[in-house]
């Protein structure tokens, strides 16, 4: 896990803390934690594709 990449659950935890959605926030965070690795891979491929397309 890269320390320089900000984890989305940190942002979500803050955004849902003001409302009474702590339970919803927790389940959403768990879902993202499970998919975080795949998300990072897809994002890496996407960013790499953008950089590759920009070389033309």
PDB file of N, CA and C in Angstrom:
ATOM      1  N   UNK A   1       0.854  -1.200   0.000  1.00  0.00           N
ATOM      2  CA  UNK A   1       0.000   0.000   0.000  1.00  0.00           C
ATOM      3  C   UNK A   1       0.885   1.244   0.000  1.00  0.00           C
ATOM      4  N   UNK A   2       0.668   2.102  -0.981  1.00  0.00           N
ATOM      5  CA  UNK A   2       1.478   3.321  -1.072  1.00  0.00           C
ATOM      6  C   UNK A   2       1.016   4.353  -0.058  1.00  0.00           C
ATOM      7  N   UNK A   3       1.966   4.911   0.668  1.00  0.00           N
ATOM      8  CA  UNK A   3       1.619   5.936   1.653  1.00  0.00           C
ATOM      9  C   UNK A   3       1.316   7.264   0.976  1.00  0.00           C
ATOM     10  N   UNK A   4       1.898   7.473  -0.212  1.00  0.00           N
ATOM     11  CA  UNK A   4       1.699   8.756  -0.892  1.00  0.00           C
ATOM     12  C   UNK A   4       0.354   8.832  -1.617  1.00  0.00           C
ATOM     13  N   UNK A   5      -0.329   7.678  -1.715  1.00  0.00           N
ATOM     14  CA  UNK A   5      -1.665   7.675  -2.321  1.00  0.00           C
ATOM     15  C   UNK A   5      -2.695   7.773  -1.213  1.00  0.00           C
ATOM     16  N   UNK A   6      -3.503   8.797  -1.250  1.00  0.00           N
ATOM     17  CA  UNK A   6      -4.487   9.005  -0.186  1.00  0.00           C
ATOM     18  C   UNK A   6      -5.618   7.987  -0.295  1.00  0.00           C
ATOM     19  N   UNK A   7      -5.908   7.341   0.805  1.00  0.00           N
ATOM     20  CA  UNK A   7      -6.922   6.290   0.786  1.00  0.00           C
ATOM     21  C   UNK A   7      -8.329   6.908   0.756  1.00  0.00           C
ATOM     22  N   UNK A   8      -9.193   6.429  -0.146  1.00  0.00           N
ATOM     23  CA  UNK A   8     -10.539   7.010  -0.281  1.00  0.00           C
ATOM     24  C   UNK A   8     -11.394   6.898   0.970  1.00  0.00           C
ATOM     25  N   UNK A   9     -11.139   5.885   1.805  1.00  0.00           N
ATOM     26  CA  UNK A   9     -11.966   5.727   2.999  1.00  0.00           C
ATOM     27  C   UNK A   9     -11.769   6.881   3.962  1.00  0.00           C
ATOM     28  N   UNK A  10     -10.592   7.489   3.956  1.00  0.00           N
ATOM     29  CA  UNK A  10     -10.343   8.634   4.825  1.00  0.00           C
ATOM     30  C   UNK A  10     -11.276   9.785   4.440  1.00  0.00           C
ATOM     31  N   UNK A  11     -11.403  10.006   3.143  1.00  0.00           N
ATOM     32  CA  UNK A  11     -12.257  11.084   2.655  1.00  0.00           C
ATOM     33  C   UNK A  11     -13.724  10.762   2.950  1.00  0.00           C
ATOM     34  N   UNK A  12     -14.119   9.513   2.694  1.00  0.00           N
ATOM     35  CA  UNK A  12     -15.504   9.114   2.914  1.00  0.00           C
ATOM     36  C   UNK A  12     -15.876   9.198   4.383  1.00  0.00           C
ATOM     37  N   UNK A  13     -14.951   8.800   5.264  1.00  0.00           N
ATOM     38  CA  UNK A  13     -15.221   8.832   6.699  1.00  0.00           C
ATOM     39  C   UNK A  13     -15.523  10.239   7.161  1.00  0.00           C
ATOM     40  N   UNK A  14     -14.829  11.216   6.564  1.00  0.00           N
ATOM     41  CA  UNK A  14     -15.055  12.610   6.938  1.00  0.00           C
ATOM     42  C   UNK A  14     -16.385  13.109   6.366  1.00  0.00           C
ATOM     43  N   UNK A  15     -16.657  12.761   5.106  1.00  0.00           N
ATOM     44  CA  UNK A  15     -17.837  13.301   4.436  1.00  0.00           C
ATOM     45  C   UNK A  15     -19.137  12.774   5.037  1.00  0.00           C
ATOM     46  N   UNK A  16     -19.106  11.560   5.623  1.00  0.00           N
ATOM     47  CA  UNK A  16     -20.331  10.982   6.175  1.00  0.00           C
ATOM     48  C   UNK A  16     -20.453  11.181   7.684  1.00  0.00           C
ATOM     49  N   UNK A  17     -19.413  11.755   8.303  1.00  0.00           N
ATOM     50  CA  UNK A  17     -19.425  11.843   9.761  1.00  0.00           C
ATOM     51  C   UNK A  17     -20.426  12.880  10.270  1.00  0.00           C
ATOM     52  N   UNK A  18     -20.724  13.894   9.463  1.00  0.00           N
ATOM     53  CA  UNK A  18     -21.637  14.944   9.913  1.00  0.00           C
ATOM     54  C   UNK A  18     -23.087  14.466   9.913  1.00  0.00           C
ATOM     55  N   UNK A  19     -23.390  13.520   9.028  1.00  0.00           N
ATOM     56  CA  UNK A  19     -24.754  13.001   8.978  1.00  0.00           C
ATOM     57  C   UNK A  19     -24.838  11.764   9.866  1.00  0.00           C
ATOM     58  N   UNK A  20     -26.057  11.265  10.071  1.00  0.00           N
ATOM     59  CA  UNK A  20     -26.220  10.050  10.885  1.00  0.00           C
ATOM     60  C   UNK A  20     -26.021   8.818  10.011  1.00  0.00           C
ATOM     61  N   UNK A  21     -24.933   8.787   9.268  1.00  0.00           N
ATOM     62  CA  UNK A  21     -24.687   7.678   8.349  1.00  0.00           C
ATOM     63  C   UNK A  21     -23.432   6.921   8.696  1.00  0.00           C
ATOM     64  N   UNK A  22     -23.161   6.756   9.995  1.00  0.00           N
ATOM     65  CA  UNK A  22     -21.937   6.066  10.397  1.00  0.00           C
ATOM     66  C   UNK A  22     -21.971   4.605   9.958  1.00  0.00           C
ATOM     67  N   UNK A  23     -23.151   3.969  10.068  1.00  0.00           N
ATOM     68  CA  UNK A  23     -23.274   2.564   9.684  1.00  0.00           C
ATOM     69  C   UNK A  23     -23.100   2.434   8.173  1.00  0.00           C
ATOM     70  N   UNK A  24     -23.762   3.326   7.426  1.00  0.00           N
ATOM     71  CA  UNK A  24     -23.651   3.317   5.968  1.00  0.00           C
ATOM     72  C   UNK A  24     -22.212   3.600   5.545  1.00  0.00           C
ATOM     73  N   UNK A  25     -21.590   4.561   6.224  1.00  0.00           N
ATOM     74  CA  UNK A  25     -20.213   4.923   5.913  1.00  0.00           C
ATOM     75  C   UNK A  25     -19.289   3.736   6.137  1.00  0.00           C
ATOM     76  N   UNK A  26     -19.507   3.010   7.230  1.00  0.00           N
ATOM     77  CA  UNK A  26     -18.639   1.872   7.549  1.00  0.00           C
ATOM     78  C   UNK A  26     -18.777   0.777   6.494  1.00  0.00           C
ATOM     79  N   UNK A  27     -19.989   0.464   6.078  1.00  0.00           N
ATOM     80  CA  UNK A  27     -20.170  -0.586   5.077  1.00  0.00           C
ATOM     81  C   UNK A  27     -19.595  -0.143   3.736  1.00  0.00           C
ATOM     82  N   UNK A  28     -19.728   1.143   3.428  1.00  0.00           N
ATOM     83  CA  UNK A  28     -19.183   1.677   2.188  1.00  0.00           C
ATOM     84  C   UNK A  28     -17.662   1.603   2.209  1.00  0.00           C
ATOM     85  N   UNK A  29     -17.070   1.929   3.360  1.00  0.00           N
ATOM     86  CA  UNK A  29     -15.616   1.859   3.506  1.00  0.00           C
ATOM     87  C   UNK A  29     -15.121   0.424   3.344  1.00  0.00           C
ATOM     88  N   UNK A  30     -15.851  -0.529   3.935  1.00  0.00           N
ATOM     89  CA  UNK A  30     -15.447  -1.933   3.823  1.00  0.00           C
ATOM     90  C   UNK A  30     -15.501  -2.389   2.372  1.00  0.00           C
ATOM     91  N   UNK A  31     -16.519  -1.949   1.648  1.00  0.00           N
ATOM     92  CA  UNK A  31     -16.635  -2.313   0.234  1.00  0.00           C
ATOM     93  C   UNK A  31     -15.464  -1.740  -0.565  1.00  0.00           C
ATOM     94  N   UNK A  32     -15.074  -0.518  -0.231  1.00  0.00           N
ATOM     95  CA  UNK A  32     -13.961   0.109  -0.948  1.00  0.00           C
ATOM     96  C   UNK A  32     -12.638  -0.554  -0.571  1.00  0.00           C
ATOM     97  N   UNK A  33     -12.507  -0.942   0.693  1.00  0.00           N
ATOM     98  CA  UNK A  33     -11.289  -1.623   1.121  1.00  0.00           C
ATOM     99  C   UNK A  33     -11.086  -2.922   0.336  1.00  0.00           C
ATOM    100  N   UNK A  34     -12.175  -3.634   0.079  1.00  0.00           N
ATOM    101  CA  UNK A  34     -12.089  -4.893  -0.661  1.00  0.00           C
ATOM    102  C   UNK A  34     -11.686  -4.632  -2.110  1.00  0.00           C
ATOM    103  N   UNK A  35     -12.182  -3.536  -2.675  1.00  0.00           N
ATOM    104  CA  UNK A  35     -11.930  -3.252  -4.086  1.00  0.00           C
ATOM    105  C   UNK A  35     -10.770  -2.295  -4.309  1.00  0.00           C
ATOM    106  N   UNK A  36     -10.129  -1.853  -3.218  1.00  0.00           N
ATOM    107  CA  UNK A  36      -9.088  -0.819  -3.324  1.00  0.00           C
ATOM    108  C   UNK A  36      -7.927  -1.276  -4.204  1.00  0.00           C
ATOM    109  N   UNK A  37      -7.514  -2.540  -4.043  1.00  0.00           N
ATOM    110  CA  UNK A  37      -6.379  -3.029  -4.818  1.00  0.00           C
ATOM    111  C   UNK A  37      -6.709  -3.036  -6.308  1.00  0.00           C
ATOM    112  N   UNK A  38      -7.902  -3.534  -6.660  1.00  0.00           N
ATOM    113  CA  UNK A  38      -8.319  -3.558  -8.061  1.00  0.00           C
ATOM    114  C   UNK A  38      -8.493  -2.142  -8.592  1.00  0.00           C
ATOM    115  N   UNK A  39      -9.029  -1.264  -7.729  1.00  0.00           N
ATOM    116  CA  UNK A  39      -9.206   0.136  -8.121  1.00  0.00           C
ATOM    117  C   UNK A  39      -7.868   0.769  -8.479  1.00  0.00           C
ATOM    118  N   UNK A  40      -6.847   0.540  -7.647  1.00  0.00           N
ATOM    119  CA  UNK A  40      -5.536   1.125  -7.888  1.00  0.00           C
ATOM    120  C   UNK A  40      -4.942   0.600  -9.186  1.00  0.00           C
ATOM    121  N   UNK A  41      -5.141  -0.682  -9.474  1.00  0.00           N
ATOM    122  CA  UNK A  41      -4.614  -1.263 -10.709  1.00  0.00           C
ATOM    123  C   UNK A  41      -5.312  -0.631 -11.917  1.00  0.00           C
ATOM    124  N   UNK A  42      -6.644  -0.528 -11.868  1.00  0.00           N
ATOM    125  CA  UNK A  42      -7.389   0.054 -12.975  1.00  0.00           C
ATOM    126  C   UNK A  42      -6.995   1.512 -13.184  1.00  0.00           C
ATOM    127  N   UNK A  43      -6.834   2.249 -12.068  1.00  0.00           N
ATOM    128  CA  UNK A  43      -6.449   3.652 -12.148  1.00  0.00           C
ATOM    129  C   UNK A  43      -5.057   3.785 -12.743  1.00  0.00           C
ATOM    130  N   UNK A  44      -4.155   2.891 -12.354  1.00  0.00           N
ATOM    131  CA  UNK A  44      -2.800   2.909 -12.891  1.00  0.00           C
ATOM    132  C   UNK A  44      -2.794   2.669 -14.393  1.00  0.00           C
ATOM    133  N   UNK A  45      -3.609   1.709 -14.832  1.00  0.00           N
ATOM    134  CA  UNK A  45      -3.711   1.413 -16.266  1.00  0.00           C
ATOM    135  C   UNK A  45      -4.321   2.608 -16.995  1.00  0.00           C
ATOM    136  N   UNK A  46      -5.333   3.222 -16.390  1.00  0.00           N
ATOM    137  CA  UNK A  46      -5.993   4.380 -16.992  1.00  0.00           C
ATOM    138  C   UNK A  46      -5.015   5.543 -17.151  1.00  0.00           C
ATOM    139  N   UNK A  47      -4.290   5.852 -16.079  1.00  0.00           N
ATOM    140  CA  UNK A  47      -3.323   6.950 -16.118  1.00  0.00           C
ATOM    141  C   UNK A  47      -2.200   6.638 -17.100  1.00  0.00           C
ATOM    142  N   UNK A  48      -1.761   5.395 -17.143  1.00  0.00           N
ATOM    143  CA  UNK A  48      -0.709   4.988 -18.067  1.00  0.00           C
ATOM    144  C   UNK A  48      -1.199   5.139 -19.506  1.00  0.00           C
ATOM    145  N   UNK A  49      -2.474   4.796 -19.715  1.00  0.00           N
ATOM    146  CA  UNK A  49      -3.058   4.934 -21.052  1.00  0.00           C
ATOM    147  C   UNK A  49      -3.128   6.396 -21.480  1.00  0.00           C
ATOM    148  N   UNK A  50      -3.459   7.281 -20.532  1.00  0.00           N
ATOM    149  CA  UNK A  50      -3.506   8.712 -20.835  1.00  0.00           C
ATOM    150  C   UNK A  50      -2.126   9.230 -21.208  1.00  0.00           C
ATOM    151  N   UNK A  51      -1.130   8.836 -20.419  1.00  0.00           N
ATOM    152  CA  UNK A  51       0.238   9.280 -20.686  1.00  0.00           C
ATOM    153  C   UNK A  51       0.718   8.737 -22.025  1.00  0.00           C
ATOM    154  N   UNK A  52       0.341   7.490 -22.309  1.00  0.00           N
ATOM    155  CA  UNK A  52       0.752   6.852 -23.560  1.00  0.00           C
ATOM    156  C   UNK A  52       0.110   7.556 -24.751  1.00  0.00           C
ATOM    157  N   UNK A  53      -1.179   7.903 -24.600  1.00  0.00           N
ATOM    158  CA  UNK A  53      -1.901   8.582 -25.684  1.00  0.00           C
ATOM    159  C   UNK A  53      -1.341   9.988 -25.890  1.00  0.00           C
ATOM    160  N   UNK A  54      -0.827  10.589 -24.817  1.00  0.00           N
ATOM    161  CA  UNK A  54      -0.296  11.943 -24.926  1.00  0.00           C
ATOM    162  C   UNK A  54       1.037  12.007 -25.645  1.00  0.00           C
ATOM    163  N   UNK A  55       1.689  10.848 -25.798  1.00  0.00           N
ATOM    164  CA  UNK A  55       2.997  10.818 -26.454  1.00  0.00           C
ATOM    165  C   UNK A  55       2.893  10.947 -27.968  1.00  0.00           C
ATOM    166  N   UNK A  56       1.709  10.683 -28.486  1.00  0.00           N
ATOM    167  CA  UNK A  56       1.560  10.713 -29.948  1.00  0.00           C
ATOM    168  C   UNK A  56       1.557  12.133 -30.479  1.00  0.00           C
TER     169      UNK A  56
END
